[in-house]
């Protein structure tokens, strides 16, 4: 058996420790940390990612991002970037998604600007320690919760809202005092390139960095060990990212897509309902994580609703939506083919159905005679297709929703407050909205996030600050009242136990439970 040379042993040792092997060194890449002894170096990621992480971590450890005036300056810079480059964002999203200027400003730029302005006005208050109730044994002490930044966080955006999903989370990370690496979706290449160019021009170059990484590279990047990962995207992608984060015990926030149900009751204004659903489903060519994914329509109103939806689409986009400047395109061929396949294999086309592959165009489409087992009811659509299913009452609706995975959003259209209340309380979802759609995800004072299969964790406003903060419990004691403290020392006896119980318990009247030190 041939003995290994010293050079081979050295390369093996370096590979085992997750360092660069000789081949990777020549190619300027670093081996995957999961590479095992003796195995070839198959998984690699650019060395620059680790360099950026090191730079950001050095800046954080120097407390560069923690100072109040630094946070304020960075948040103000985000606002300036949006205002000074509005036309650039409109152009980039127009190239990527054929997104109309109106939609870009309303659904991408304004939400980020509102988040930044809200944080500017409130982050100093959010930073303040919160004092909590004390028991008798801590009467002379301070019990407080201190918010401290997590460190260096990774923010991964999704292609369906490429500006909003990156920058809203970034605002929270900045307000909480973190450094961040932002990874916009390369599926929206022009928007990703714009963020890659603009962010270094406005934000601190040592604390904030933009990387352009494909979805297949992200798991290895996560393994570089961040202090938090914020990810928005599909469930399949979220699972891979979660598994990578679990390997290094990195906490994670997941905002995942889901099949968002929309119940339309017989007691509703059909015209207004159709307008609001049509706008929510077909803006951005249906490529939205928060749009209604399917309608559960009371059988008594189904015919009128479908007709009203047809009238809305005619008014919104004209007789040929392909010529409309208000209607977008699919982001890439893969998403186009997927949506087209779901469309052609499910239900009956009541309106639309036309496709033009060269333009990645799918017409706004309404499907009827859809069965719960159809392919379009088994997968997220991410396209301008709206299935309409019939239900007989609220009980059937609730049962249908509860048989599925927990969605990101649930929508109800009804003038009956009891119907709204029942669906809100008897179903579980990341968010809920009655008599409108999508808007609950844009309100800065409401937390937004998933539950179950639609993700975990939340963000927006104060909730973004909390997501990127560690709430540290602090007890600031004195050396006084040792006469009470000494009761806990051995040797133990029943008299001291009684006194300790009295001194260290909260009352049942105020808390309903006891806390023993």
Protein backbone atom coordinates (compact mmCIF):
# COMPACT_ATOMS: atom_id res chain seq x y z
CA UNK A 1 0.00 0.00 0.00
CA UNK A 2 1.44 3.37 -1.05
CA UNK A 3 2.09 5.85 1.75
CA UNK A 4 0.57 9.27 1.47
CA UNK A 5 2.98 12.08 0.81
CA UNK A 6 3.31 14.99 3.18
CA UNK A 7 1.61 17.24 0.66
CA UNK A 8 -1.36 14.90 0.32
CA UNK A 9 -1.73 14.67 4.10
CA UNK A 10 -1.65 18.45 4.37
CA UNK A 11 -4.34 18.84 1.69
CA UNK A 12 -6.49 16.19 3.41
CA UNK A 13 -6.15 17.95 6.77
CA UNK A 14 -7.12 21.29 5.26
CA UNK A 15 -10.15 19.77 3.53
CA UNK A 16 -11.24 18.09 6.76
CA UNK A 17 -11.15 21.39 8.61
CA UNK A 18 -13.24 23.10 5.95
CA UNK A 19 -10.28 25.08 4.60
CA UNK A 20 -9.42 25.48 0.96
CA UNK A 21 -7.78 22.45 -0.67
CA UNK A 22 -5.05 23.02 -3.25
CA UNK A 23 -7.46 22.72 -6.19
CA UNK A 24 -9.86 25.20 -4.61
CA UNK A 25 -7.04 27.59 -3.80
CA UNK A 26 -6.06 27.70 -7.46
CA UNK A 27 -9.68 28.33 -8.44
CA UNK A 28 -10.23 30.93 -5.73
CA UNK A 29 -12.95 28.88 -4.06
CA UNK A 30 -13.52 27.36 -0.65
CA UNK A 31 -14.64 23.80 0.08
CA UNK A 32 -18.01 23.05 1.56
CA UNK A 33 -17.77 22.67 5.33
CA UNK A 34 -19.49 19.29 5.10
CA UNK A 35 -16.67 17.81 3.01
CA UNK A 36 -15.58 14.58 4.70
CA UNK A 37 -12.13 13.10 5.05
CA UNK A 38 -10.98 11.63 1.77
CA UNK A 39 -14.00 12.75 -0.25
CA UNK A 40 -13.58 14.95 -3.33
CA UNK A 41 -14.35 18.62 -3.02
CA UNK A 42 -17.72 18.76 -4.77
CA UNK A 43 -19.53 21.62 -3.07
CA UNK A 44 -17.85 25.00 -3.32
CA UNK A 45 -18.75 28.64 -2.94
CA UNK A 46 -16.85 31.77 -3.86
CA UNK A 47 -14.26 32.84 -1.34
CA UNK A 48 -15.58 36.40 -1.54
CA UNK A 49 -18.70 35.47 0.46
CA UNK A 50 -16.66 34.49 3.50
CA UNK A 51 -14.51 37.60 3.07
CA UNK A 52 -17.61 39.80 3.12
CA UNK A 53 -18.91 38.03 6.21
CA UNK A 54 -15.57 38.58 7.97
CA UNK A 55 -15.60 42.28 7.09
CA UNK A 56 -19.14 42.66 8.38
CA UNK A 57 -18.32 40.76 11.56
CA UNK A 58 -15.26 42.92 12.24
CA UNK A 59 -17.43 46.03 11.85
CA UNK A 60 -20.07 44.64 14.19
CA UNK A 61 -17.53 43.67 16.82
CA UNK A 62 -16.17 47.21 16.62
CA UNK A 63 -19.74 48.34 17.49
CA UNK A 64 -19.91 50.38 14.31
CA UNK A 65 -23.54 49.47 13.57
CA UNK A 66 -24.82 49.78 17.14
CA UNK A 67 -24.60 53.55 17.56
CA UNK A 68 -27.87 55.45 17.37
CA UNK A 69 -26.61 58.09 14.96
CA UNK A 70 -25.26 55.36 12.66
CA UNK A 71 -28.62 53.57 12.54
CA UNK A 72 -30.40 56.84 11.85
CA UNK A 73 -28.02 57.76 9.04
CA UNK A 74 -28.40 54.36 7.37
CA UNK A 75 -32.21 54.44 7.57
CA UNK A 76 -32.26 57.93 6.08
CA UNK A 77 -29.95 56.69 3.32
CA UNK A 78 -32.47 53.96 2.42
CA UNK A 79 -35.15 56.62 1.97
CA UNK A 80 -32.86 58.76 -0.17
CA UNK A 81 -31.93 55.78 -2.33
CA UNK A 82 -35.59 55.05 -3.06
CA UNK A 83 -36.42 58.67 -3.81
CA UNK A 84 -33.37 59.44 -5.94
CA UNK A 85 -33.55 56.23 -7.98
CA UNK A 86 -37.28 55.70 -8.37
CA UNK A 87 -36.94 55.69 -12.16
CA UNK A 88 -34.15 53.11 -11.99
CA UNK A 89 -36.29 50.76 -9.88
CA UNK A 90 -39.23 51.24 -12.25
CA UNK A 91 -36.99 50.45 -15.22
CA UNK A 92 -35.41 47.37 -13.59
CA UNK A 93 -38.73 45.84 -12.55
CA UNK A 94 -40.14 46.67 -15.95
CA UNK A 95 -37.33 44.68 -17.56
CA UNK A 96 -37.61 41.76 -15.14
CA UNK A 97 -41.37 41.41 -14.80
CA UNK A 98 -42.88 43.88 -17.26
CA UNK A 99 -44.13 45.47 -14.06
CA UNK A 100 -46.08 48.72 -14.54
CA UNK A 101 -44.70 51.85 -12.93
CA UNK A 102 -47.84 52.15 -10.77
CA UNK A 103 -47.38 48.65 -9.31
CA UNK A 104 -43.67 49.17 -8.70
CA UNK A 105 -44.23 52.35 -6.73
CA UNK A 106 -47.29 51.13 -4.80
CA UNK A 107 -46.22 47.57 -3.98
CA UNK A 108 -42.42 47.83 -3.90
CA UNK A 109 -41.14 51.33 -3.14
CA UNK A 110 -43.81 52.87 -0.89
CA UNK A 111 -43.88 49.90 1.56
CA UNK A 112 -40.10 50.09 2.01
CA UNK A 113 -40.15 53.85 2.41
CA UNK A 114 -42.95 53.62 4.99
CA UNK A 115 -41.00 51.00 6.92
CA UNK A 116 -37.88 53.17 6.97
CA UNK A 117 -39.76 56.31 8.03
CA UNK A 118 -41.60 54.37 10.75
CA UNK A 119 -38.30 52.99 12.03
CA UNK A 120 -36.68 56.45 11.96
CA UNK A 121 -39.46 57.77 14.19
CA UNK A 122 -39.49 54.86 16.62
CA UNK A 123 -36.24 52.88 16.79
CA UNK A 124 -34.82 54.91 19.69
CA UNK A 125 -37.92 54.06 21.72
CA UNK A 126 -37.65 50.40 20.69
CA UNK A 127 -34.04 50.34 21.91
CA UNK A 128 -34.98 51.32 25.46
CA UNK A 129 -34.86 48.57 28.12
CA UNK A 130 -38.26 47.32 29.30
CA UNK A 131 -38.69 47.02 33.05
CA UNK A 132 -40.75 44.07 34.29
CA UNK A 133 -42.62 43.24 37.49
CA UNK A 134 -40.58 42.14 40.51
CA UNK A 135 -41.36 40.03 43.55
CA UNK A 136 -40.55 40.93 47.14
CA UNK A 137 -37.09 39.36 47.11
CA UNK A 138 -36.08 41.67 44.21
CA UNK A 139 -37.64 44.84 45.59
CA UNK A 140 -34.37 46.77 45.59
CA UNK A 141 -33.16 45.30 42.30
CA UNK A 142 -33.81 46.10 38.65
CA UNK A 143 -35.49 43.51 36.42
CA UNK A 144 -35.33 44.52 32.81
CA UNK A 145 -35.17 43.23 29.25
CA UNK A 146 -32.43 44.71 27.08
CA UNK A 147 -32.64 44.61 23.28
CA UNK A 148 -29.29 43.86 21.71
CA UNK A 149 -28.52 43.29 18.02
CA UNK A 150 -27.89 39.72 16.89
CA UNK A 151 -24.78 40.43 14.84
CA UNK A 152 -24.37 39.76 11.11
CA UNK A 153 -27.59 38.62 9.42
CA UNK A 154 -28.31 37.18 5.98
CA UNK A 155 -31.39 38.47 4.14
CA UNK A 156 -32.57 36.43 1.17
CA UNK A 157 -35.23 38.05 -1.03
CA UNK A 158 -37.69 36.44 -3.41
CA UNK A 159 -38.25 37.21 -7.09
CA UNK A 160 -41.96 38.03 -6.85
CA UNK A 161 -41.31 41.10 -4.65
CA UNK A 162 -37.60 41.61 -5.22
CA UNK A 163 -37.28 45.08 -3.69
CA UNK A 164 -39.83 44.92 -0.90
CA UNK A 165 -38.81 41.55 0.53
CA UNK A 166 -35.12 42.52 0.66
CA UNK A 167 -35.32 46.08 1.88
CA UNK A 168 -38.16 45.85 4.42
CA UNK A 169 -36.19 43.20 6.27
CA UNK A 170 -33.01 45.26 5.86
CA UNK A 171 -34.72 48.24 7.53
CA UNK A 172 -35.47 46.06 10.56
CA UNK A 173 -31.91 44.76 10.68
CA UNK A 174 -30.49 48.30 10.55
CA UNK A 175 -32.90 49.62 13.19
CA UNK A 176 -31.90 46.79 15.52
CA UNK A 177 -28.19 47.60 15.08
CA UNK A 178 -27.04 44.66 12.95
CA UNK A 179 -24.72 44.32 9.99
CA UNK A 180 -26.24 42.51 7.01
CA UNK A 181 -25.51 40.66 3.81
CA UNK A 182 -28.36 40.91 1.31
CA UNK A 183 -28.99 38.31 -1.36
CA UNK A 184 -31.64 39.50 -3.84
CA UNK A 185 -33.11 36.94 -6.21
CA UNK A 186 -31.05 36.56 -9.36
CA UNK A 187 -34.24 35.50 -11.17
CA UNK A 188 -34.99 39.23 -11.33
CA UNK A 189 -31.54 39.97 -12.70
CA UNK A 190 -31.93 43.67 -13.47
CA UNK A 191 -33.34 44.45 -10.03
CA UNK A 192 -30.67 42.37 -8.31
CA UNK A 193 -27.95 44.18 -10.29
CA UNK A 194 -29.47 47.54 -9.37
CA UNK A 195 -29.46 46.71 -5.64
CA UNK A 196 -25.90 45.42 -6.01
CA UNK A 197 -24.90 48.78 -7.48
CA UNK A 198 -26.92 51.17 -5.31
CA UNK A 199 -26.63 49.78 -1.79
CA UNK A 200 -22.82 50.24 -1.60
CA UNK A 201 -23.34 53.83 -2.78
CA UNK A 202 -25.75 54.67 0.03
CA UNK A 203 -25.05 52.34 2.95
CA UNK A 204 -21.87 51.72 4.92
CA UNK A 205 -19.53 49.56 2.83
CA UNK A 206 -18.17 47.62 5.79
CA UNK A 207 -21.46 46.79 7.48
CA UNK A 208 -23.74 46.08 4.50
CA UNK A 209 -23.02 43.99 1.43
CA UNK A 210 -24.99 42.63 -1.53
CA UNK A 211 -24.20 39.26 -3.07
CA UNK A 212 -25.59 37.79 -6.28
CA UNK A 213 -25.99 34.10 -5.51
CA UNK A 214 -28.19 31.47 -7.13
CA UNK A 215 -30.71 29.56 -5.03
CA UNK A 216 -28.56 26.42 -5.27
CA UNK A 217 -25.63 28.26 -3.66
CA UNK A 218 -27.56 29.62 -0.69
CA UNK A 219 -27.43 26.50 1.47
CA UNK A 220 -23.62 26.56 1.40
CA UNK A 221 -23.60 30.29 2.09
CA UNK A 222 -25.86 29.78 5.12
CA UNK A 223 -23.29 27.31 6.44
CA UNK A 224 -20.80 30.16 6.76
CA UNK A 225 -22.59 30.78 10.08
CA UNK A 226 -24.63 33.95 10.33
CA UNK A 227 -26.34 35.19 13.49
CA UNK A 228 -29.75 35.09 11.81
CA UNK A 229 -31.15 34.21 8.40
CA UNK A 230 -34.24 35.90 6.97
CA UNK A 231 -35.57 33.97 3.98
CA UNK A 232 -38.58 34.55 1.72
CA UNK A 233 -39.49 32.15 -1.05
CA UNK A 234 -41.09 28.79 -1.77
CA UNK A 235 -41.54 25.97 0.71
CA UNK A 236 -39.11 23.71 -1.12
CA UNK A 237 -36.39 26.35 -1.01
CA UNK A 238 -37.23 27.18 2.60
CA UNK A 239 -36.74 23.56 3.64
CA UNK A 240 -33.24 23.47 2.12
CA UNK A 241 -32.28 26.74 3.80
CA UNK A 242 -33.68 25.57 7.15
CA UNK A 243 -31.71 22.35 6.99
CA UNK A 244 -28.50 24.24 6.25
CA UNK A 245 -29.19 26.69 9.09
CA UNK A 246 -29.91 23.84 11.51
CA UNK A 247 -26.44 22.38 10.86
CA UNK A 248 -24.87 25.43 12.51
CA UNK A 249 -27.72 26.30 14.90
CA UNK A 250 -28.50 29.54 13.08
CA UNK A 251 -31.93 31.01 13.96
CA UNK A 252 -34.10 31.66 10.94
CA UNK A 253 -37.21 33.52 9.85
CA UNK A 254 -39.13 31.93 6.99
CA UNK A 255 -41.75 33.75 4.93
CA UNK A 256 -43.03 31.03 2.62
CA UNK A 257 -45.58 30.88 -0.15
CA UNK A 258 -48.87 29.07 0.38
CA UNK A 259 -52.24 28.44 -1.20
CA UNK A 260 -54.17 31.36 0.21
CA UNK A 261 -57.94 30.64 0.27
CA UNK A 262 -60.52 33.33 -0.40
CA UNK A 263 -64.12 32.71 0.68
CA UNK A 264 -66.88 34.70 -1.04
CA UNK A 265 -70.16 34.63 0.87
CA UNK A 266 -73.61 35.05 -0.67
CA UNK A 267 -73.97 38.15 1.53
CA UNK A 268 -71.47 40.46 -0.13
CA UNK A 269 -71.28 43.25 -2.68
CA UNK A 270 -70.36 41.16 -5.72
CA UNK A 271 -69.10 44.06 -7.82
CA UNK A 272 -66.72 45.42 -5.17
CA UNK A 273 -65.65 41.90 -4.21
CA UNK A 274 -64.77 41.06 -7.83
CA UNK A 275 -62.74 44.25 -8.24
CA UNK A 276 -60.68 43.70 -5.11
CA UNK A 277 -60.03 40.02 -5.81
CA UNK A 278 -59.13 40.68 -9.46
CA UNK A 279 -56.63 43.37 -8.53
CA UNK A 280 -55.03 41.22 -5.82
CA UNK A 281 -54.83 38.07 -7.97
CA UNK A 282 -53.67 39.56 -11.27
CA UNK A 283 -51.34 42.40 -10.31
CA UNK A 284 -47.72 41.49 -11.10
CA UNK A 285 -49.19 38.84 -13.41
CA UNK A 286 -50.26 36.79 -10.40
CA UNK A 287 -46.72 36.42 -9.07
CA UNK A 288 -47.36 37.14 -5.42
CA UNK A 289 -47.00 35.29 -2.13
CA UNK A 290 -49.99 37.07 -0.61
CA UNK A 291 -52.54 37.04 -3.46
CA UNK A 292 -55.69 34.89 -3.18
CA UNK A 293 -54.70 31.53 -4.66
CA UNK A 294 -58.23 30.18 -5.13
CA UNK A 295 -61.81 31.16 -4.43
CA UNK A 296 -64.25 29.15 -2.35
CA UNK A 297 -67.50 30.64 -3.57
CA UNK A 298 -70.96 30.12 -2.13
CA UNK A 299 -72.93 28.27 -4.79
CA UNK A 300 -75.69 30.91 -4.80
CA UNK A 301 -73.36 33.67 -5.92
CA UNK A 302 -70.86 31.81 -8.12
CA UNK A 303 -72.38 32.70 -11.51
CA UNK A 304 -72.65 36.39 -10.65
CA UNK A 305 -69.12 36.47 -9.25
CA UNK A 306 -67.55 34.88 -12.32
CA UNK A 307 -69.39 37.34 -14.57
CA UNK A 308 -68.29 40.25 -12.38
CA UNK A 309 -64.67 39.04 -12.53
CA UNK A 310 -64.86 38.92 -16.33
CA UNK A 311 -66.14 42.50 -16.43
CA UNK A 312 -63.36 43.63 -14.08
CA UNK A 313 -60.63 42.05 -16.18
CA UNK A 314 -62.05 43.61 -19.33
CA UNK A 315 -62.06 47.01 -17.63
CA UNK A 316 -58.59 46.55 -16.09
CA UNK A 317 -56.70 45.19 -19.10
CA UNK A 318 -58.94 45.59 -22.16
CA UNK A 319 -60.01 42.95 -24.64
CA UNK A 320 -56.40 41.93 -25.27
CA UNK A 321 -54.37 42.08 -22.00
CA UNK A 322 -51.23 41.28 -23.99
CA UNK A 323 -51.34 44.84 -25.33
CA UNK A 324 -52.05 46.40 -21.93
CA UNK A 325 -49.30 48.46 -20.28
CA UNK A 326 -50.86 47.52 -16.93
CA UNK A 327 -50.28 43.76 -17.18
CA UNK A 328 -46.99 42.01 -16.51
CA UNK A 329 -45.15 38.90 -17.66
CA UNK A 330 -43.80 35.78 -15.99
CA UNK A 331 -40.33 36.19 -14.54
CA UNK A 332 -38.69 33.34 -16.45
CA UNK A 333 -39.39 30.36 -18.69
CA UNK A 334 -39.49 27.86 -15.81
CA UNK A 335 -42.18 29.77 -13.92
CA UNK A 336 -44.04 30.33 -17.20
CA UNK A 337 -44.04 26.63 -18.08
CA UNK A 338 -45.08 25.63 -14.59
CA UNK A 339 -48.08 27.99 -14.52
CA UNK A 340 -49.05 27.04 -18.08
CA UNK A 341 -48.97 23.35 -17.19
CA UNK A 342 -51.18 23.88 -14.13
CA UNK A 343 -53.60 25.92 -16.23
CA UNK A 344 -53.96 23.33 -18.98
CA UNK A 345 -54.37 20.37 -16.62
CA UNK A 346 -57.08 21.79 -14.34
CA UNK A 347 -60.74 22.77 -14.57
CA UNK A 348 -62.43 24.62 -17.40
CA UNK A 349 -61.34 28.00 -18.76
CA UNK A 350 -64.13 30.54 -18.26
CA UNK A 351 -61.97 33.46 -19.43
CA UNK A 352 -58.43 33.84 -20.78
CA UNK A 353 -56.12 30.86 -21.17
CA UNK A 354 -54.05 32.34 -24.01
CA UNK A 355 -50.25 32.00 -23.77
CA UNK A 356 -47.32 33.38 -25.77
CA UNK A 357 -44.12 31.58 -24.87
CA UNK A 358 -41.79 34.04 -26.61
CA UNK A 359 -43.04 36.81 -24.29
CA UNK A 360 -43.61 34.60 -21.21
CA UNK A 361 -47.20 35.85 -21.40
CA UNK A 362 -50.21 34.15 -19.82
CA UNK A 363 -53.53 35.95 -20.12
CA UNK A 364 -55.55 36.65 -16.97
CA UNK A 365 -57.47 33.41 -16.59
CA UNK A 366 -60.49 32.28 -14.59
CA UNK A 367 -61.02 28.54 -14.11
CA UNK A 368 -64.34 26.95 -13.17
CA UNK A 369 -65.34 23.32 -12.63
CA UNK A 370 -62.16 22.88 -10.62
CA UNK A 371 -61.86 19.82 -8.42
CA UNK A 372 -59.93 19.76 -5.15
CA UNK A 373 -57.72 17.01 -6.59
CA UNK A 374 -56.71 18.98 -9.71
CA UNK A 375 -52.99 19.83 -10.06
CA UNK A 376 -53.67 23.54 -9.66
CA UNK A 377 -55.06 22.88 -6.18
CA UNK A 378 -52.00 20.90 -5.14
CA UNK A 379 -49.29 23.46 -5.94
CA UNK A 380 -48.68 27.18 -5.55
CA UNK A 381 -49.69 28.84 -8.81
CA UNK A 382 -47.50 31.97 -9.05
CA UNK A 383 -49.30 33.02 -12.21
CA UNK A 384 -52.38 34.92 -13.47
CA UNK A 385 -54.78 32.01 -13.00
CA UNK A 386 -57.70 32.03 -10.55
CA UNK A 387 -59.57 28.77 -9.79
CA UNK A 388 -63.15 29.12 -8.55
CA UNK A 389 -64.64 26.28 -6.48
CA UNK A 390 -68.20 25.98 -5.14
CA UNK A 391 -69.10 25.47 -1.48
CA UNK A 392 -72.51 25.26 0.12
CA UNK A 393 -71.95 27.06 3.42
CA UNK A 394 -69.44 28.41 5.92
CA UNK A 395 -69.03 25.04 7.62
CA UNK A 396 -67.88 23.44 4.37
CA UNK A 397 -65.51 26.34 3.78
CA UNK A 398 -63.89 26.04 7.20
CA UNK A 399 -63.57 22.27 6.83
CA UNK A 400 -61.95 22.68 3.39
CA UNK A 401 -59.43 25.25 4.62
CA UNK A 402 -58.53 23.19 7.68
CA UNK A 403 -57.80 20.11 5.58
CA UNK A 404 -54.99 21.96 3.81
CA UNK A 405 -51.62 23.12 5.09
CA UNK A 406 -51.79 26.38 7.03
CA UNK A 407 -51.66 29.22 4.47
CA UNK A 408 -49.85 32.53 4.59
CA UNK A 409 -53.16 34.44 4.24
CA UNK A 410 -56.90 33.79 4.52
CA UNK A 411 -59.41 36.15 2.90
CA UNK A 412 -63.15 36.49 3.43
CA UNK A 413 -65.66 38.65 1.56
CA UNK A 414 -68.94 39.01 3.42
CA UNK A 415 -71.25 41.62 4.93
CA UNK A 416 -72.07 39.20 7.74
CA UNK A 417 -69.81 39.84 10.73
CA UNK A 418 -70.57 36.40 12.17
CA UNK A 419 -69.28 34.72 9.01
CA UNK A 420 -66.10 36.79 9.15
CA UNK A 421 -65.61 36.06 12.84
CA UNK A 422 -66.10 32.32 12.41
CA UNK A 423 -63.55 31.96 9.63
CA UNK A 424 -61.06 34.21 11.43
CA UNK A 425 -61.29 32.22 14.68
CA UNK A 426 -61.84 28.68 13.32
CA UNK A 427 -58.99 28.64 10.78
CA UNK A 428 -55.26 29.21 11.24
CA UNK A 429 -53.10 31.32 8.91
CA UNK A 430 -50.21 33.75 8.94
CA UNK A 431 -52.56 36.69 8.42
CA UNK A 432 -56.26 37.36 7.85
CA UNK A 433 -58.18 40.04 5.97
CA UNK A 434 -61.88 40.57 5.39
CA UNK A 435 -63.40 42.34 2.40
CA UNK A 436 -60.04 43.05 0.80
CA UNK A 437 -56.81 41.25 -0.06
CA UNK A 438 -53.05 41.84 0.24
CA UNK A 439 -53.35 45.12 2.21
CA UNK A 440 -52.80 43.47 5.59
CA UNK A 441 -49.27 42.62 4.43
CA UNK A 442 -48.46 46.29 3.74
CA UNK A 443 -49.47 47.85 7.07
CA UNK A 444 -46.31 48.69 8.99
CA UNK A 445 -47.85 48.26 12.45
CA UNK A 446 -49.13 44.73 11.78
CA UNK A 447 -46.76 41.75 12.07
CA UNK A 448 -46.54 39.70 8.90
CA UNK A 449 -45.37 36.12 8.71
CA UNK A 450 -46.41 32.54 8.30
CA UNK A 451 -47.48 29.67 10.52
CA UNK A 452 -46.87 25.96 10.03
CA UNK A 453 -46.12 25.20 6.40
CA UNK A 454 -46.23 28.91 5.47
CA UNK A 455 -43.22 29.69 7.63
CA UNK A 456 -42.41 31.03 11.08
CA UNK A 457 -41.35 34.35 12.53
CA UNK A 458 -42.71 37.75 11.54
CA UNK A 459 -41.58 41.19 10.49
CA UNK A 460 -42.73 44.78 9.75
CA UNK A 461 -42.23 47.77 12.02
CA UNK A 462 -41.47 46.91 15.65
CA UNK A 463 -41.77 43.21 14.76
CA UNK A 464 -38.83 43.51 12.35
CA UNK A 465 -36.80 45.15 15.12
CA UNK A 466 -37.69 42.27 17.46
CA UNK A 467 -36.85 39.66 14.81
CA UNK A 468 -33.32 41.00 14.48
CA UNK A 469 -32.81 41.59 18.22
CA UNK A 470 -31.98 39.38 21.16
CA UNK A 471 -34.12 40.21 24.20
CA UNK A 472 -31.66 39.71 27.01
CA UNK A 473 -33.00 39.18 30.53
CA UNK A 474 -31.09 41.30 33.05
CA UNK A 475 -31.28 41.31 36.84
CA UNK A 476 -29.28 44.12 38.46
CA UNK A 477 -28.94 43.15 42.12
CA UNK A 478 -27.46 44.82 45.16
CA UNK A 479 -25.88 43.20 48.18
CA UNK A 480 -28.67 44.49 50.41
CA UNK A 481 -31.39 42.34 51.99
CA UNK A 482 -28.99 39.50 52.60
CA UNK A 483 -31.24 38.60 55.51
CA UNK A 484 -33.80 37.45 52.95
CA UNK A 485 -31.33 36.03 50.44
CA UNK A 486 -29.63 33.94 53.13
CA UNK A 487 -32.84 31.98 53.59
CA UNK A 488 -31.99 30.00 50.44
CA UNK A 489 -28.66 28.70 51.79
CA UNK A 490 -28.23 25.25 53.32
CA UNK A 491 -28.88 23.72 55.72
CA UNK A 492 -32.53 23.80 54.61
CA UNK A 493 -35.48 23.77 56.97
CA UNK A 494 -39.24 24.20 56.65
CA UNK A 495 -39.28 27.62 58.33
CA UNK A 496 -36.88 29.08 55.76
CA UNK A 497 -38.87 27.42 52.95
CA UNK A 498 -42.04 29.15 54.12
CA UNK A 499 -40.32 32.52 54.31
CA UNK A 500 -38.71 32.04 50.89
CA UNK A 501 -42.04 31.08 49.38
CA UNK A 502 -43.64 34.22 50.79
CA UNK A 503 -40.80 36.53 49.67
CA UNK A 504 -40.28 35.18 46.18
CA UNK A 505 -43.83 34.47 44.98
CA UNK A 506 -46.04 36.61 42.79
CA UNK A 507 -49.65 36.87 43.87
CA UNK A 508 -52.32 34.69 42.27
CA UNK A 509 -54.45 37.77 41.87
CA UNK A 510 -51.97 39.53 39.57
CA UNK A 511 -50.42 36.60 37.73
CA UNK A 512 -52.26 33.40 38.49
CA UNK A 513 -49.02 31.54 39.20
CA UNK A 514 -46.04 31.53 41.54
CA UNK A 515 -42.40 32.05 40.74
CA UNK A 516 -39.91 30.57 43.14
CA UNK A 517 -36.30 31.75 43.03
